[in-house]
Amino acid sequence: MTTSIQIEPVCPQFHQAVAELMAYGFGHKFQKITSLSITDLAYVFEQLLNHPPIEQSTLRVIARENEEIVGTMCLKWKEADNRAAITSVRANPHWWSHCNRVGMWKLLQLITGLHLLKHTPKLGECYVEDLVVHPQHQGKGIGTQLLQWAQKYMLQSKSMSSLSLHVASQNHQAIQLYERYQFRKQYSTNSFLTGLLLGENQWHYMIYKGDSYV
């Protein structure tokens, strides 16, 4: 069954709902390293959404079914202008002060986990930084529609030539979905740190290049 959804850029009024969705989607990874509750994880993610990095090269969208947010995705790319590229790595300095309630040590652990999952796109590469579907709405084709939206977004851009992502090697269902939509594995990496801290040690890097992909 495929559900008809509306995909649009996120706006501040939806930050709390998106943060809760991200916490449910990624909580199993970050709870291992931080022991933060889903509620506290959602709170930190909300602060990150409220105080994003000072950059112009990311786009977060939401998937809405009627008025309910059922999915979210973040795309990231590298600007051709060197000044923009330098700006993109500047973190917003204000969000830390809003997370005191979770404790500085746990916050540092969470930031470490997020850093381990970071990927810096190359010029022309559009990277799917995260994609999550509400647990109660999985199996309805929402993830597929978000993925297709990202593919269309990349293909319509004059400055982008590929769409890429990382996926845990054990996530066979996701890998099959990506392969169905012409993503091809480029290489695999093994990370002792992500295995130890996040429970996933091997990752596949996959790329989609549209009809021109060979």
Protein backbone atom coordinates (compact mmCIF):
# COMPACT_ATOMS: atom_id res chain seq x y z
CA MET A 1 0.00 0.00 0.00
CA THR A 2 1.31 3.44 -0.99
CA THR A 3 0.14 6.48 0.92
CA SER A 4 -0.21 9.84 -0.83
CA ILE A 5 1.94 12.39 0.98
CA GLN A 6 3.02 15.98 0.61
CA ILE A 7 6.77 16.70 0.73
CA GLU A 8 7.88 20.21 1.62
CA PRO A 9 10.73 22.07 3.37
CA VAL A 10 10.46 22.01 7.13
CA CYS A 11 9.48 25.20 8.94
CA PRO A 12 10.03 26.08 12.62
CA GLN A 13 6.50 25.22 13.68
CA PHE A 14 7.24 21.56 12.88
CA HIS A 15 10.65 21.32 14.58
CA GLN A 16 9.33 19.62 17.70
CA ALA A 17 7.43 16.96 15.75
CA VAL A 18 10.41 16.34 13.46
CA ALA A 19 12.78 16.09 16.44
CA GLU A 20 10.53 13.48 18.07
CA LEU A 21 10.46 11.55 14.81
CA MET A 22 14.28 11.64 14.56
CA ALA A 23 14.60 10.47 18.18
CA TYR A 24 12.37 7.46 17.53
CA GLY A 25 14.19 6.72 14.27
CA PHE A 26 17.77 7.01 15.56
CA GLY A 27 17.33 6.53 19.29
CA HIS A 28 18.50 2.92 19.26
CA LYS A 29 21.89 4.10 17.97
CA PHE A 30 22.46 7.03 20.29
CA GLN A 31 20.96 5.50 23.42
CA LYS A 32 23.78 2.97 23.37
CA ILE A 33 26.40 5.68 23.78
CA THR A 34 24.50 8.28 25.82
CA SER A 35 21.76 6.45 27.77
CA LEU A 36 19.56 9.46 26.99
CA SER A 37 15.81 8.89 27.00
CA ILE A 38 13.84 9.32 23.79
CA THR A 39 12.38 12.49 25.31
CA ASP A 40 15.83 13.99 25.96
CA LEU A 41 17.12 12.95 22.55
CA ALA A 42 14.14 14.65 20.95
CA TYR A 43 14.84 17.77 23.00
CA VAL A 44 18.47 17.94 21.80
CA PHE A 45 17.47 17.29 18.18
CA GLU A 46 14.91 20.09 18.46
CA GLN A 47 17.62 22.50 19.63
CA LEU A 48 19.79 21.47 16.68
CA LEU A 49 16.88 22.19 14.34
CA ASN A 50 16.23 25.52 16.03
CA HIS A 51 19.91 26.50 15.80
CA PRO A 52 21.22 24.93 12.57
CA PRO A 53 24.80 25.29 11.32
CA ILE A 54 25.47 28.60 9.61
CA GLU A 55 25.27 27.28 6.08
CA GLN A 56 23.21 27.36 2.91
CA SER A 57 24.00 23.88 1.63
CA THR A 58 21.45 21.72 3.46
CA LEU A 59 17.76 21.14 2.99
CA ARG A 60 15.46 19.30 5.41
CA VAL A 61 12.07 18.27 4.14
CA ILE A 62 9.08 16.68 5.81
CA ALA A 63 6.51 14.22 4.52
CA ARG A 64 2.97 15.05 5.60
CA GLU A 65 -0.12 12.88 5.42
CA ASN A 66 -2.93 15.34 5.94
CA GLU A 67 -1.64 17.32 8.94
CA GLU A 68 0.52 14.57 10.45
CA ILE A 69 4.27 14.48 9.90
CA VAL A 70 5.09 10.91 8.88
CA GLY A 71 8.66 11.26 7.61
CA THR A 72 11.67 13.54 7.27
CA MET A 73 14.87 13.69 5.23
CA CYS A 74 17.94 15.93 5.17
CA LEU A 75 20.02 16.56 2.05
CA LYS A 76 23.48 18.10 2.12
CA TRP A 77 25.82 19.21 -0.65
CA LYS A 78 28.98 21.23 -1.24
CA GLU A 79 28.76 24.71 -2.66
CA ALA A 80 30.99 25.54 -5.63
CA ASP A 81 31.92 28.85 -4.04
CA ASN A 82 34.85 28.35 -1.65
CA ARG A 83 33.53 30.99 0.70
CA ALA A 84 30.25 29.09 0.99
CA ALA A 85 32.15 25.87 1.62
CA ILE A 86 34.09 27.49 4.45
CA THR A 87 30.92 28.93 5.91
CA SER A 88 29.19 25.57 5.82
CA VAL A 89 31.49 24.07 8.45
CA ARG A 90 30.80 26.78 11.01
CA ALA A 91 28.59 25.41 13.74
CA ASN A 92 25.96 27.67 15.29
CA PRO A 93 27.39 28.58 18.70
CA HIS A 94 24.08 29.09 20.49
CA TRP A 95 22.43 25.67 20.67
CA TRP A 96 24.71 24.27 23.42
CA SER A 97 23.29 26.60 26.05
CA HIS A 98 19.79 25.24 25.45
CA CYS A 99 20.74 21.64 26.28
CA ASN A 100 21.87 21.96 29.89
CA ARG A 101 19.09 19.75 31.15
CA VAL A 102 20.56 16.61 29.57
CA GLY A 103 24.00 17.05 31.16
CA MET A 104 27.23 18.12 29.51
CA TRP A 105 28.81 14.65 29.50
CA LYS A 106 25.87 13.00 27.77
CA LEU A 107 25.70 15.89 25.33
CA LEU A 108 29.37 15.43 24.45
CA GLN A 109 28.77 11.71 23.93
CA LEU A 110 25.88 12.46 21.59
CA ILE A 111 27.93 14.97 19.61
CA THR A 112 30.68 12.33 19.30
CA GLY A 113 28.16 9.86 17.88
CA LEU A 114 26.80 12.43 15.43
CA HIS A 115 30.33 13.31 14.33
CA LEU A 116 31.15 9.66 13.62
CA LEU A 117 28.23 9.55 11.20
CA LYS A 118 29.13 12.79 9.42
CA HIS A 119 30.02 12.75 5.74
CA THR A 120 31.47 15.68 3.79
CA PRO A 121 30.06 15.68 0.25
CA LYS A 122 32.31 16.30 -2.73
CA LEU A 123 31.53 18.94 -5.31
CA GLY A 124 28.53 17.79 -7.34
CA GLU A 125 27.42 15.25 -4.73
CA CYS A 126 24.05 15.50 -3.00
CA TYR A 127 24.16 13.45 0.19
CA VAL A 128 21.20 11.96 2.07
CA GLU A 129 22.28 12.73 5.62
CA ASP A 130 19.26 11.09 7.19
CA LEU A 131 15.89 9.65 6.22
CA VAL A 132 13.36 8.44 8.76
CA VAL A 133 9.73 7.33 8.60
CA HIS A 134 7.36 7.36 11.57
CA PRO A 135 7.25 3.85 13.13
CA GLN A 136 3.46 3.69 12.81
CA HIS A 137 3.58 4.59 9.11
CA GLN A 138 6.31 2.28 7.86
CA GLY A 139 5.50 -0.11 5.04
CA LYS A 140 3.31 2.47 3.27
CA GLY A 141 5.84 3.64 0.69
CA ILE A 142 6.71 6.89 2.46
CA GLY A 143 10.46 6.22 2.51
CA THR A 144 10.31 5.39 -1.19
CA GLN A 145 8.55 8.66 -1.99
CA LEU A 146 11.13 10.64 -0.02
CA LEU A 147 13.92 8.84 -1.86
CA GLN A 148 12.31 9.53 -5.25
CA TRP A 149 11.89 13.18 -4.28
CA ALA A 150 15.62 13.37 -3.48
CA GLN A 151 16.50 11.76 -6.82
CA LYS A 152 14.34 14.27 -8.69
CA TYR A 153 15.82 17.16 -6.70
CA MET A 154 19.34 16.06 -7.61
CA LEU A 155 18.55 15.50 -11.29
CA GLN A 156 16.94 18.93 -11.62
CA SER A 157 19.98 20.67 -10.17
CA LYS A 158 22.58 21.94 -12.63
CA SER A 159 25.34 21.66 -10.03
CA MET A 160 24.70 18.10 -8.81
CA SER A 161 25.63 14.89 -10.61
CA SER A 162 25.00 12.20 -7.98
CA LEU A 163 22.90 11.32 -4.95
CA SER A 164 24.68 9.36 -2.25
CA LEU A 165 24.14 7.82 1.17
CA HIS A 166 25.59 5.47 3.75
CA VAL A 167 23.69 2.45 5.00
CA ALA A 168 24.58 -0.07 7.68
CA SER A 169 25.54 -3.38 6.08
CA GLN A 170 23.10 -5.23 8.33
CA ASN A 171 20.15 -3.14 7.13
CA HIS A 172 19.28 -5.52 4.31
CA GLN A 173 15.78 -4.15 3.77
CA ALA A 174 17.09 -0.62 3.17
CA ILE A 175 19.86 -1.88 0.89
CA GLN A 176 17.32 -3.74 -1.25
CA LEU A 177 15.21 -0.57 -1.50
CA TYR A 178 18.18 1.53 -2.59
CA GLU A 179 19.27 -1.05 -5.16
CA ARG A 180 15.71 -1.14 -6.53
CA TYR A 181 16.04 2.59 -7.21
CA GLN A 182 19.40 2.32 -8.98
CA PHE A 183 21.75 3.03 -6.10
CA ARG A 184 24.99 1.11 -6.50
CA LYS A 185 27.47 0.23 -3.78
CA GLN A 186 30.82 1.97 -4.32
CA TYR A 187 32.69 0.61 -1.32
CA SER A 188 32.32 -0.54 2.27
CA THR A 189 34.04 0.82 5.35
CA ASN A 190 34.61 -0.73 8.76
CA SER A 191 34.74 1.46 11.83
CA PHE A 192 35.71 0.11 15.22
CA LEU A 193 34.39 3.26 16.88
CA THR A 194 30.91 3.18 15.34
CA GLY A 195 30.72 -0.52 16.17
CA LEU A 196 31.70 0.11 19.76
CA LEU A 197 29.66 3.25 20.34
CA LEU A 198 26.71 2.91 17.95
CA GLY A 199 26.43 -0.84 17.41
CA GLU A 200 27.12 -0.68 13.64
CA ASN A 201 30.66 -1.29 12.43
CA GLN A 202 30.30 -1.79 8.65
CA TRP A 203 28.76 0.75 6.28
CA HIS A 204 28.09 0.70 2.54
CA TYR A 205 28.53 3.89 0.55
CA MET A 206 26.00 3.91 -2.31
CA ILE A 207 25.52 6.30 -5.24
CA TYR A 208 22.70 7.06 -7.67
CA LYS A 209 23.50 8.86 -10.93
CA GLY A 210 20.23 8.61 -12.81
CA ASP A 211 19.79 7.04 -16.22
CA SER A 212 23.42 7.74 -17.09
CA TYR A 213 24.66 5.40 -14.38
CA VAL A 214 26.56 2.39 -15.71
